[in-house]
Amino acid sequence: MATQGRSEVRIFGGPALVRQSEATRFLWGDEESGQVSDLIYGRGERISALIFTLGPGHRFGTSKTWKTLYDQHRFYYVVQGSLAIQDPESGEVAVARAGEAITWRGPRYHFGYNVGDEEVVALDWYAPAERPPDVPESAVSAGKRDLGEVRGGRYDLLGAWPDRRPEARRAALEGGGVVTVGPADALHLVQGERAPVLVSILSSSALLTAGTFELRAGAASEAEEHPGDEVVFALSGRLHVHLPASGGWFELEPLDCLFLPEGTQHRYWSYGSQASRAAFCVAPGYR
């Protein structure tokens, strides 16, 4: 969830490691919209690092004060639980479970639901920024258009399912609609020649590229850098990141986060005895 800008939220400058325990806790929403527990790791001009959680049976929607309408490329990667995202105006509904993500682009309202029996934990990325870091969300919500007629689903597809599934998915993807993406949808890249790492791109546009990678135990990647700012979340194992230029050496436990500004050369290490998995997002340009 996009959250209220507040003075105690870390503003990213150079490379920064933020532990899960150090993230700012914030309760988004009100009784009408539903409320979401946010962990705000930090904000930059082009990318922010957030996690949101929803308890079993919890949901978020919209209210006069909190309007879930954002003109952005958004990417919700589910670490735990089962998350459903609904576009209430088009009727599109996407469901993602652990290891999958929900993504969409453009000015859309969205509602979210925990549709499982355990807490939802979702990494939350978006670009571009909706407002400067020091401006609260409540200051801009009033100027957003009101929600139109709410549709609970694509009722127009009843009577022709799954026959029209390929057509509906293709239309949603091309139009920036709400879709679920997972390992089966990934664009795979092999990065490096001497120490190749398989990178799985789950969503990519001119504004944002997001995906996952895994390092076997004891492995290290070759140095890389991006023309955009990067945020990396460790998912499992112990992920280390080395900055060759400065000698920086960071250790990430699961749900710790590292911010790397544009052009920062870095190498990933799985320094422990277990494989390391991570999810990342780069905004705006990956290569």
C-alpha atoms as a PDB file:
ATOM      1  CA  MET A   1       0.000   0.000   0.000  1.00  0.00           C
ATOM      2  CA  ALA A   2       1.173   3.526  -0.667  1.00  0.00           C
ATOM      3  CA  THR A   3       1.564   5.183   2.696  1.00  0.00           C
ATOM      4  CA  GLN A   4       1.629   8.465   4.510  1.00  0.00           C
ATOM      5  CA  GLY A   5       4.860  10.414   4.126  1.00  0.00           C
ATOM      6  CA  ARG A   6       6.284  11.126   7.596  1.00  0.00           C
ATOM      7  CA  SER A   7       9.423  12.777   8.897  1.00  0.00           C
ATOM      8  CA  GLU A   8      10.701   9.660  10.678  1.00  0.00           C
ATOM      9  CA  VAL A   9      10.716   7.629   7.457  1.00  0.00           C
ATOM     10  CA  ARG A  10      14.257   7.115   6.154  1.00  0.00           C
ATOM     11  CA  ILE A  11      15.096   9.050   2.974  1.00  0.00           C
ATOM     12  CA  PHE A  12      17.522   7.065   0.828  1.00  0.00           C
ATOM     13  CA  GLY A  13      20.709   8.753  -0.304  1.00  0.00           C
ATOM     14  CA  GLY A  14      23.612   6.364  -0.795  1.00  0.00           C
ATOM     15  CA  PRO A  15      23.592   2.574  -0.385  1.00  0.00           C
ATOM     16  CA  ALA A  16      21.591   1.681   2.724  1.00  0.00           C
ATOM     17  CA  LEU A  17      20.833  -1.551   4.558  1.00  0.00           C
ATOM     18  CA  VAL A  18      17.575  -1.551   6.539  1.00  0.00           C
ATOM     19  CA  ARG A  19      16.655  -4.416   8.859  1.00  0.00           C
ATOM     20  CA  GLN A  20      13.046  -5.519   9.141  1.00  0.00           C
ATOM     21  CA  SER A  21      13.129  -4.466  12.797  1.00  0.00           C
ATOM     22  CA  GLU A  22      14.199  -0.933  11.776  1.00  0.00           C
ATOM     23  CA  ALA A  23      11.309  -0.309   9.361  1.00  0.00           C
ATOM     24  CA  THR A  24       8.775   2.349  10.358  1.00  0.00           C
ATOM     25  CA  ARG A  25       5.432   0.823  11.395  1.00  0.00           C
ATOM     26  CA  PHE A  26       2.410   2.642  10.026  1.00  0.00           C
ATOM     27  CA  LEU A  27      -1.336   1.884   9.934  1.00  0.00           C
ATOM     28  CA  TRP A  28      -2.818   2.890   6.574  1.00  0.00           C
ATOM     29  CA  GLY A  29      -6.510   3.652   6.085  1.00  0.00           C
ATOM     30  CA  ASP A  30      -9.620   4.093   8.227  1.00  0.00           C
ATOM     31  CA  GLU A  31     -12.706   2.075   9.175  1.00  0.00           C
ATOM     32  CA  GLU A  32     -14.397   2.742   5.822  1.00  0.00           C
ATOM     33  CA  SER A  33     -11.413   1.828   3.656  1.00  0.00           C
ATOM     34  CA  GLY A  34     -10.132  -0.981   5.837  1.00  0.00           C
ATOM     35  CA  GLN A  35      -6.727  -0.775   7.422  1.00  0.00           C
ATOM     36  CA  VAL A  36      -3.352  -2.190   6.429  1.00  0.00           C
ATOM     37  CA  SER A  37      -0.210  -2.646   8.497  1.00  0.00           C
ATOM     38  CA  ASP A  38       2.733  -1.105   6.607  1.00  0.00           C
ATOM     39  CA  LEU A  39       6.460  -1.479   7.184  1.00  0.00           C
ATOM     40  CA  ILE A  40       8.198   1.463   5.521  1.00  0.00           C
ATOM     41  CA  TYR A  41      11.899   0.727   5.030  1.00  0.00           C
ATOM     42  CA  GLY A  42      12.652   3.995   3.255  1.00  0.00           C
ATOM     43  CA  ARG A  43      11.913   6.281   0.335  1.00  0.00           C
ATOM     44  CA  GLY A  44      13.875   7.601  -2.583  1.00  0.00           C
ATOM     45  CA  GLU A  45      12.996   9.949  -5.418  1.00  0.00           C
ATOM     46  CA  ARG A  46      12.427   7.037  -7.832  1.00  0.00           C
ATOM     47  CA  ILE A  47      11.781   3.956  -5.710  1.00  0.00           C
ATOM     48  CA  SER A  48      10.580   3.117  -2.211  1.00  0.00           C
ATOM     49  CA  ALA A  49      10.885  -0.004  -0.067  1.00  0.00           C
ATOM     50  CA  LEU A  50       7.715  -1.156   1.670  1.00  0.00           C
ATOM     51  CA  ILE A  51       6.016  -4.286   2.944  1.00  0.00           C
ATOM     52  CA  PHE A  52       2.340  -4.531   3.823  1.00  0.00           C
ATOM     53  CA  THR A  53       0.554  -7.195   5.837  1.00  0.00           C
ATOM     54  CA  LEU A  54      -3.094  -8.244   6.042  1.00  0.00           C
ATOM     55  CA  GLY A  55      -4.470 -10.531   8.722  1.00  0.00           C
ATOM     56  CA  PRO A  56      -6.801 -13.419   7.815  1.00  0.00           C
ATOM     57  CA  GLY A  57     -10.110 -12.006   6.606  1.00  0.00           C
ATOM     58  CA  HIS A  58      -8.778  -8.446   6.390  1.00  0.00           C
ATOM     59  CA  ARG A  59      -9.196  -6.227   3.344  1.00  0.00           C
ATOM     60  CA  PHE A  60      -8.547  -2.729   2.055  1.00  0.00           C
ATOM     61  CA  GLY A  61     -10.622  -0.606  -0.264  1.00  0.00           C
ATOM     62  CA  THR A  62     -11.218   3.110  -0.462  1.00  0.00           C
ATOM     63  CA  SER A  63     -12.760   5.999   1.459  1.00  0.00           C
ATOM     64  CA  LYS A  64     -13.046   9.769   1.138  1.00  0.00           C
ATOM     65  CA  THR A  65      -9.708  10.183   2.910  1.00  0.00           C
ATOM     66  CA  TRP A  66      -7.849   7.128   1.584  1.00  0.00           C
ATOM     67  CA  LYS A  67      -8.316   6.534  -2.136  1.00  0.00           C
ATOM     68  CA  THR A  68      -6.481   3.558  -3.627  1.00  0.00           C
ATOM     69  CA  LEU A  69      -6.087   5.229  -7.009  1.00  0.00           C
ATOM     70  CA  TYR A  70      -2.502   5.555  -8.259  1.00  0.00           C
ATOM     71  CA  ASP A  71      -1.145   6.245 -11.746  1.00  0.00           C
ATOM     72  CA  GLN A  72       1.864   3.962 -11.467  1.00  0.00           C
ATOM     73  CA  HIS A  73       3.418   0.645 -12.371  1.00  0.00           C
ATOM     74  CA  ARG A  74       2.749  -1.411  -9.232  1.00  0.00           C
ATOM     75  CA  PHE A  75       4.186  -4.777  -8.204  1.00  0.00           C
ATOM     76  CA  TYR A  76       3.089  -6.782  -5.146  1.00  0.00           C
ATOM     77  CA  TYR A  77       5.285  -9.835  -4.503  1.00  0.00           C
ATOM     78  CA  VAL A  78       3.669 -12.270  -2.052  1.00  0.00           C
ATOM     79  CA  VAL A  79       6.094 -13.716   0.491  1.00  0.00           C
ATOM     80  CA  GLN A  80       3.421 -15.414   2.602  1.00  0.00           C
ATOM     81  CA  GLY A  81      -0.315 -16.062   2.391  1.00  0.00           C
ATOM     82  CA  SER A  82      -2.896 -15.620  -0.365  1.00  0.00           C
ATOM     83  CA  LEU A  83      -3.610 -12.126  -1.734  1.00  0.00           C
ATOM     84  CA  ALA A  84      -6.404 -11.096  -4.098  1.00  0.00           C
ATOM     85  CA  ILE A  85      -6.335  -7.723  -5.869  1.00  0.00           C
ATOM     86  CA  GLN A  86      -9.478  -6.401  -7.542  1.00  0.00           C
ATOM     87  CA  ASP A  87      -9.863  -3.564 -10.020  1.00  0.00           C
ATOM     88  CA  PRO A  88     -13.348  -2.515  -8.886  1.00  0.00           C
ATOM     89  CA  GLU A  89     -14.137  -0.653 -12.111  1.00  0.00           C
ATOM     90  CA  SER A  90     -13.036  -3.220 -14.714  1.00  0.00           C
ATOM     91  CA  GLY A  91     -13.921  -6.251 -12.590  1.00  0.00           C
ATOM     92  CA  GLU A  92     -10.461  -7.797 -13.071  1.00  0.00           C
ATOM     93  CA  VAL A  93      -9.386  -9.955 -10.112  1.00  0.00           C
ATOM     94  CA  ALA A  94      -5.931 -11.524  -9.659  1.00  0.00           C
ATOM     95  CA  VAL A  95      -4.900 -13.949  -6.906  1.00  0.00           C
ATOM     96  CA  ALA A  96      -1.279 -14.617  -5.892  1.00  0.00           C
ATOM     97  CA  ARG A  97       0.209 -16.992  -3.358  1.00  0.00           C
ATOM     98  CA  ALA A  98       3.717 -17.226  -1.948  1.00  0.00           C
ATOM     99  CA  GLY A  99       6.282 -16.914  -4.747  1.00  0.00           C
ATOM    100  CA  GLU A 100       3.863 -15.162  -7.102  1.00  0.00           C
ATOM    101  CA  ALA A 101       3.151 -11.473  -7.706  1.00  0.00           C
ATOM    102  CA  ILE A 102       0.331  -9.221  -8.863  1.00  0.00           C
ATOM    103  CA  THR A 103       1.161  -6.359 -11.204  1.00  0.00           C
ATOM    104  CA  TRP A 104      -0.593  -3.645 -13.202  1.00  0.00           C
ATOM    105  CA  ARG A 105       0.047  -0.253 -14.782  1.00  0.00           C
ATOM    106  CA  GLY A 106      -1.793   3.019 -15.189  1.00  0.00           C
ATOM    107  CA  PRO A 107      -4.390   5.014 -13.210  1.00  0.00           C
ATOM    108  CA  ARG A 108      -6.486   2.316 -11.508  1.00  0.00           C
ATOM    109  CA  TYR A 109      -8.322   1.880  -8.266  1.00  0.00           C
ATOM    110  CA  HIS A 110      -7.530  -1.372  -6.505  1.00  0.00           C
ATOM    111  CA  PHE A 111      -8.952  -3.314  -3.573  1.00  0.00           C
ATOM    112  CA  GLY A 112      -7.040  -6.009  -1.687  1.00  0.00           C
ATOM    113  CA  TYR A 113      -8.174  -9.073   0.261  1.00  0.00           C
ATOM    114  CA  ASN A 114      -6.513 -11.736   2.388  1.00  0.00           C
ATOM    115  CA  VAL A 115      -8.280 -14.808   0.994  1.00  0.00           C
ATOM    116  CA  GLY A 116      -6.342 -17.404   3.001  1.00  0.00           C
ATOM    117  CA  ASP A 117      -5.948 -18.623   6.555  1.00  0.00           C
ATOM    118  CA  GLU A 118      -2.584 -17.024   7.373  1.00  0.00           C
ATOM    119  CA  GLU A 119      -1.240 -13.482   7.409  1.00  0.00           C
ATOM    120  CA  VAL A 120      -0.416 -12.002   4.019  1.00  0.00           C
ATOM    121  CA  VAL A 121       3.095 -10.547   3.740  1.00  0.00           C
ATOM    122  CA  ALA A 122       3.657  -8.676   0.470  1.00  0.00           C
ATOM    123  CA  LEU A 123       6.602  -6.675  -0.862  1.00  0.00           C
ATOM    124  CA  ASP A 124       5.236  -3.415  -2.263  1.00  0.00           C
ATOM    125  CA  TRP A 125       6.948  -1.555  -5.120  1.00  0.00           C
ATOM    126  CA  TYR A 126       5.740   1.208  -7.407  1.00  0.00           C
ATOM    127  CA  ALA A 127       7.043   3.850  -9.789  1.00  0.00           C
ATOM    128  CA  PRO A 128       6.954   6.733 -10.340  1.00  0.00           C
ATOM    129  CA  ALA A 129       6.534   8.308  -6.915  1.00  0.00           C
ATOM    130  CA  GLU A 130       3.094   9.841  -6.451  1.00  0.00           C
ATOM    131  CA  ARG A 131       4.306  12.727  -4.322  1.00  0.00           C
ATOM    132  CA  PRO A 132       7.471  14.065  -2.629  1.00  0.00           C
ATOM    133  CA  PRO A 133       8.591  12.021   0.385  1.00  0.00           C
ATOM    134  CA  ASP A 134       7.600  14.761   2.846  1.00  0.00           C
ATOM    135  CA  VAL A 135       4.005  15.117   1.551  1.00  0.00           C
ATOM    136  CA  PRO A 136       1.403  12.883   3.291  1.00  0.00           C
ATOM    137  CA  GLU A 137      -0.935  10.790   1.179  1.00  0.00           C
ATOM    138  CA  SER A 138      -3.965  12.396   2.809  1.00  0.00           C
ATOM    139  CA  ALA A 139      -2.898  15.729   1.301  1.00  0.00           C
ATOM    140  CA  VAL A 140      -3.340  14.454  -2.261  1.00  0.00           C
ATOM    141  CA  SER A 141      -6.221  11.972  -1.887  1.00  0.00           C
ATOM    142  CA  ALA A 142      -8.928  14.642  -1.848  1.00  0.00           C
ATOM    143  CA  GLY A 143      -7.994  15.699  -5.383  1.00  0.00           C
ATOM    144  CA  LYS A 144      -8.370  12.207  -6.850  1.00  0.00           C
ATOM    145  CA  ARG A 145     -11.472  11.302  -8.836  1.00  0.00           C
ATOM    146  CA  ASP A 146     -14.156   9.356  -7.003  1.00  0.00           C
ATOM    147  CA  LEU A 147     -14.659   5.659  -7.590  1.00  0.00           C
ATOM    148  CA  GLY A 148     -17.195   4.768 -10.260  1.00  0.00           C
ATOM    149  CA  GLU A 149     -19.514   1.751 -10.338  1.00  0.00           C
ATOM    150  CA  VAL A 150     -18.000  -1.238  -8.531  1.00  0.00           C
ATOM    151  CA  ARG A 151     -17.865  -4.531 -10.431  1.00  0.00           C
ATOM    152  CA  GLY A 152     -17.176  -7.715  -8.494  1.00  0.00           C
ATOM    153  CA  GLY A 153     -15.708  -9.549 -11.458  1.00  0.00           C
ATOM    154  CA  ARG A 154     -15.600 -10.068 -15.218  1.00  0.00           C
ATOM    155  CA  TYR A 155     -19.198 -11.215 -15.456  1.00  0.00           C
ATOM    156  CA  ASP A 156     -19.026 -10.775 -19.222  1.00  0.00           C
ATOM    157  CA  LEU A 157     -16.807 -13.853 -19.383  1.00  0.00           C
ATOM    158  CA  LEU A 158     -19.351 -16.157 -17.760  1.00  0.00           C
ATOM    159  CA  GLY A 159     -20.513 -18.833 -20.184  1.00  0.00           C
ATOM    160  CA  ALA A 160     -17.223 -18.766 -22.102  1.00  0.00           C
ATOM    161  CA  TRP A 161     -14.568 -19.832 -19.578  1.00  0.00           C
ATOM    162  CA  PRO A 162     -11.835 -20.998 -19.867  1.00  0.00           C
ATOM    163  CA  ASP A 163     -12.365 -20.635 -23.631  1.00  0.00           C
ATOM    164  CA  ARG A 164     -11.723 -16.883 -23.512  1.00  0.00           C
ATOM    165  CA  ARG A 165      -8.972 -17.024 -20.888  1.00  0.00           C
ATOM    166  CA  PRO A 166      -6.051 -16.509 -23.358  1.00  0.00           C
ATOM    167  CA  GLU A 167      -7.883 -13.572 -24.936  1.00  0.00           C
ATOM    168  CA  ALA A 168      -8.733 -11.988 -21.584  1.00  0.00           C
ATOM    169  CA  ARG A 169      -5.197 -12.411 -20.216  1.00  0.00           C
ATOM    170  CA  ARG A 170      -3.618 -11.008 -23.361  1.00  0.00           C
ATOM    171  CA  ALA A 171      -5.929  -7.970 -23.264  1.00  0.00           C
ATOM    172  CA  ALA A 172      -5.157  -7.384 -19.588  1.00  0.00           C
ATOM    173  CA  LEU A 173      -1.404  -7.630 -20.143  1.00  0.00           C
ATOM    174  CA  GLU A 174      -1.436  -5.299 -23.134  1.00  0.00           C
ATOM    175  CA  GLY A 175      -3.670  -2.784 -21.349  1.00  0.00           C
ATOM    176  CA  GLY A 176      -1.780  -2.799 -18.067  1.00  0.00           C
ATOM    177  CA  GLY A 177      -4.569  -4.629 -16.245  1.00  0.00           C
ATOM    178  CA  VAL A 178      -4.389  -6.566 -12.995  1.00  0.00           C
ATOM    179  CA  VAL A 179      -2.681  -9.927 -13.552  1.00  0.00           C
ATOM    180  CA  THR A 180      -0.935 -12.628 -11.547  1.00  0.00           C
ATOM    181  CA  VAL A 181       2.662 -13.452 -12.528  1.00  0.00           C
ATOM    182  CA  GLY A 182       4.804 -16.273 -11.228  1.00  0.00           C
ATOM    183  CA  PRO A 183       7.723 -18.540 -12.169  1.00  0.00           C
ATOM    184  CA  ALA A 184       5.892 -19.918 -15.213  1.00  0.00           C
ATOM    185  CA  ASP A 185       5.562 -16.385 -16.638  1.00  0.00           C
ATOM    186  CA  ALA A 186       9.147 -15.272 -16.009  1.00  0.00           C
ATOM    187  CA  LEU A 187      11.506 -13.835 -18.585  1.00  0.00           C
ATOM    188  CA  HIS A 188      14.725 -15.646 -17.682  1.00  0.00           C
ATOM    189  CA  LEU A 189      18.114 -13.949 -18.013  1.00  0.00           C
ATOM    190  CA  VAL A 190      21.555 -15.458 -17.437  1.00  0.00           C
ATOM    191  CA  GLN A 191      23.735 -12.758 -15.923  1.00  0.00           C
ATOM    192  CA  GLY A 192      27.484 -13.279 -15.958  1.00  0.00           C
ATOM    193  CA  GLU A 193      29.776 -15.614 -17.865  1.00  0.00           C
ATOM    194  CA  ARG A 194      32.237 -16.988 -15.301  1.00  0.00           C
ATOM    195  CA  ALA A 195      29.695 -17.187 -12.476  1.00  0.00           C
ATOM    196  CA  PRO A 196      26.279 -17.126 -14.175  1.00  0.00           C
ATOM    197  CA  VAL A 197      23.155 -16.395 -12.138  1.00  0.00           C
ATOM    198  CA  LEU A 198      19.626 -17.106 -13.365  1.00  0.00           C
ATOM    199  CA  VAL A 199      17.453 -13.999 -12.986  1.00  0.00           C
ATOM    200  CA  SER A 200      13.672 -14.306 -13.373  1.00  0.00           C
ATOM    201  CA  ILE A 201      11.959 -11.102 -14.530  1.00  0.00           C
ATOM    202  CA  LEU A 202       8.290 -11.104 -13.505  1.00  0.00           C
ATOM    203  CA  SER A 203       7.281  -7.604 -14.600  1.00  0.00           C
ATOM    204  CA  SER A 204       9.024  -4.936 -16.669  1.00  0.00           C
ATOM    205  CA  SER A 205       8.090  -1.592 -18.201  1.00  0.00           C
ATOM    206  CA  ALA A 206       9.790   1.725 -18.881  1.00  0.00           C
ATOM    207  CA  LEU A 207       9.042   2.665 -15.253  1.00  0.00           C
ATOM    208  CA  LEU A 208       9.913  -0.443 -13.246  1.00  0.00           C
ATOM    209  CA  THR A 209      11.468  -3.914 -13.565  1.00  0.00           C
ATOM    210  CA  ALA A 210      10.984  -6.545 -10.855  1.00  0.00           C
ATOM    211  CA  GLY A 211      11.925 -10.166 -10.376  1.00  0.00           C
ATOM    212  CA  THR A 212      13.766 -12.763  -8.333  1.00  0.00           C
ATOM    213  CA  PHE A 213      17.077 -14.619  -8.286  1.00  0.00           C
ATOM    214  CA  GLU A 214      18.706 -17.440  -6.345  1.00  0.00           C
ATOM    215  CA  LEU A 215      22.315 -18.208  -5.457  1.00  0.00           C
ATOM    216  CA  ARG A 216      23.414 -21.685  -4.449  1.00  0.00           C
ATOM    217  CA  ALA A 217      25.317 -22.031  -1.166  1.00  0.00           C
ATOM    218  CA  GLY A 218      28.808 -20.548  -1.340  1.00  0.00           C
ATOM    219  CA  ALA A 219      28.215 -18.929  -4.754  1.00  0.00           C
ATOM    220  CA  ALA A 220      28.854 -15.325  -5.778  1.00  0.00           C
ATOM    221  CA  SER A 221      27.642 -13.369  -8.785  1.00  0.00           C
ATOM    222  CA  GLU A 222      29.733 -11.205 -11.070  1.00  0.00           C
ATOM    223  CA  ALA A 223      29.612  -7.429 -10.618  1.00  0.00           C
ATOM    224  CA  GLU A 224      26.646  -5.614 -12.132  1.00  0.00           C
ATOM    225  CA  GLU A 225      25.048  -2.183 -12.070  1.00  0.00           C
ATOM    226  CA  HIS A 226      21.829  -0.609 -13.315  1.00  0.00           C
ATOM    227  CA  PRO A 227      20.793   2.761 -14.784  1.00  0.00           C
ATOM    228  CA  GLY A 228      18.032   2.904 -12.164  1.00  0.00           C
ATOM    229  CA  ASP A 229      17.765   2.721  -8.374  1.00  0.00           C
ATOM    230  CA  GLU A 230      17.446  -0.814  -6.977  1.00  0.00           C
ATOM    231  CA  VAL A 231      15.783  -2.230  -3.872  1.00  0.00           C
ATOM    232  CA  VAL A 232      16.604  -5.830  -2.888  1.00  0.00           C
ATOM    233  CA  PHE A 233      14.754  -7.879  -0.263  1.00  0.00           C
ATOM    234  CA  ALA A 234      16.253 -11.128   1.016  1.00  0.00           C
ATOM    235  CA  LEU A 235      13.662 -13.932   0.993  1.00  0.00           C
ATOM    236  CA  SER A 236      15.579 -16.929   2.353  1.00  0.00           C
ATOM    237  CA  GLY A 237      19.120 -17.836   3.377  1.00  0.00           C
ATOM    238  CA  ARG A 238      21.752 -15.197   4.155  1.00  0.00           C
ATOM    239  CA  LEU A 239      22.349 -12.832   1.266  1.00  0.00           C
ATOM    240  CA  HIS A 240      25.530 -10.756   1.229  1.00  0.00           C
ATOM    241  CA  VAL A 241      26.152  -7.820  -1.094  1.00  0.00           C
ATOM    242  CA  HIS A 242      29.640  -6.511  -1.900  1.00  0.00           C
ATOM    243  CA  LEU A 243      30.311  -3.043  -3.348  1.00  0.00           C
ATOM    244  CA  PRO A 244      33.682  -3.345  -5.154  1.00  0.00           C
ATOM    245  CA  ALA A 245      34.253   0.400  -5.476  1.00  0.00           C
ATOM    246  CA  SER A 246      33.886   1.212  -1.769  1.00  0.00           C
ATOM    247  CA  GLY A 247      34.510  -2.178  -0.191  1.00  0.00           C
ATOM    248  CA  GLY A 248      31.036  -2.123   1.356  1.00  0.00           C
ATOM    249  CA  TRP A 249      29.811  -5.501   2.658  1.00  0.00           C
ATOM    250  CA  PHE A 250      26.179  -5.987   3.701  1.00  0.00           C
ATOM    251  CA  GLU A 251      24.470  -9.012   5.235  1.00  0.00           C
ATOM    252  CA  LEU A 252      20.727  -9.467   4.707  1.00  0.00           C
ATOM    253  CA  GLU A 253      18.521 -11.845   6.656  1.00  0.00           C
ATOM    254  CA  PRO A 254      15.004 -12.627   5.310  1.00  0.00           C
ATOM    255  CA  LEU A 255      12.927  -9.431   4.889  1.00  0.00           C
ATOM    256  CA  ASP A 256      15.937  -7.167   5.351  1.00  0.00           C
ATOM    257  CA  CYS A 257      16.240  -4.612   2.553  1.00  0.00           C
ATOM    258  CA  LEU A 258      19.117  -2.964   0.688  1.00  0.00           C
ATOM    259  CA  PHE A 259      18.856   0.237  -1.358  1.00  0.00           C
ATOM    260  CA  LEU A 260      21.392   0.719  -4.175  1.00  0.00           C
ATOM    261  CA  PRO A 261      21.425   4.029  -6.088  1.00  0.00           C
ATOM    262  CA  GLU A 262      21.742   4.173  -9.859  1.00  0.00           C
ATOM    263  CA  GLY A 263      25.150   3.071 -11.124  1.00  0.00           C
ATOM    264  CA  THR A 264      26.248   1.350  -7.897  1.00  0.00           C
ATOM    265  CA  GLN A 265      28.377  -1.649  -8.864  1.00  0.00           C
ATOM    266  CA  HIS A 266      27.529  -4.659  -6.699  1.00  0.00           C
ATOM    267  CA  ARG A 267      28.003  -8.405  -6.327  1.00  0.00           C
ATOM    268  CA  TYR A 268      25.685 -10.866  -4.609  1.00  0.00           C
ATOM    269  CA  TRP A 269      27.068 -13.606  -2.363  1.00  0.00           C
ATOM    270  CA  SER A 270      25.398 -16.587  -0.741  1.00  0.00           C
ATOM    271  CA  TYR A 271      28.034 -16.756   1.957  1.00  0.00           C
ATOM    272  CA  GLY A 272      26.373 -19.301   4.211  1.00  0.00           C
ATOM    273  CA  SER A 273      25.726 -23.025   3.909  1.00  0.00           C
ATOM    274  CA  GLN A 274      22.259 -22.615   2.357  1.00  0.00           C
ATOM    275  CA  ALA A 275      21.038 -21.175  -0.925  1.00  0.00           C
ATOM    276  CA  SER A 276      19.888 -17.536  -0.870  1.00  0.00           C
ATOM    277  CA  ARG A 277      16.778 -16.203  -2.598  1.00  0.00           C
ATOM    278  CA  ALA A 278      15.913 -12.568  -3.154  1.00  0.00           C
ATOM    279  CA  ALA A 279      13.347 -10.328  -4.838  1.00  0.00           C
ATOM    280  CA  PHE A 280      14.382  -7.038  -6.411  1.00  0.00           C
ATOM    281  CA  CYS A 281      12.979  -4.013  -8.143  1.00  0.00           C
ATOM    282  CA  VAL A 282      14.781  -1.415 -10.278  1.00  0.00           C
ATOM    283  CA  ALA A 283      13.266   1.944 -11.303  1.00  0.00           C
ATOM    284  CA  PRO A 284      13.198   3.182 -13.888  1.00  0.00           C
ATOM    285  CA  GLY A 285      15.763   1.393 -16.103  1.00  0.00           C
ATOM    286  CA  TYR A 286      17.189  -2.111 -15.589  1.00  0.00           C
ATOM    287  CA  ARG A 287      19.623  -2.043 -18.522  1.00  0.00           C
END
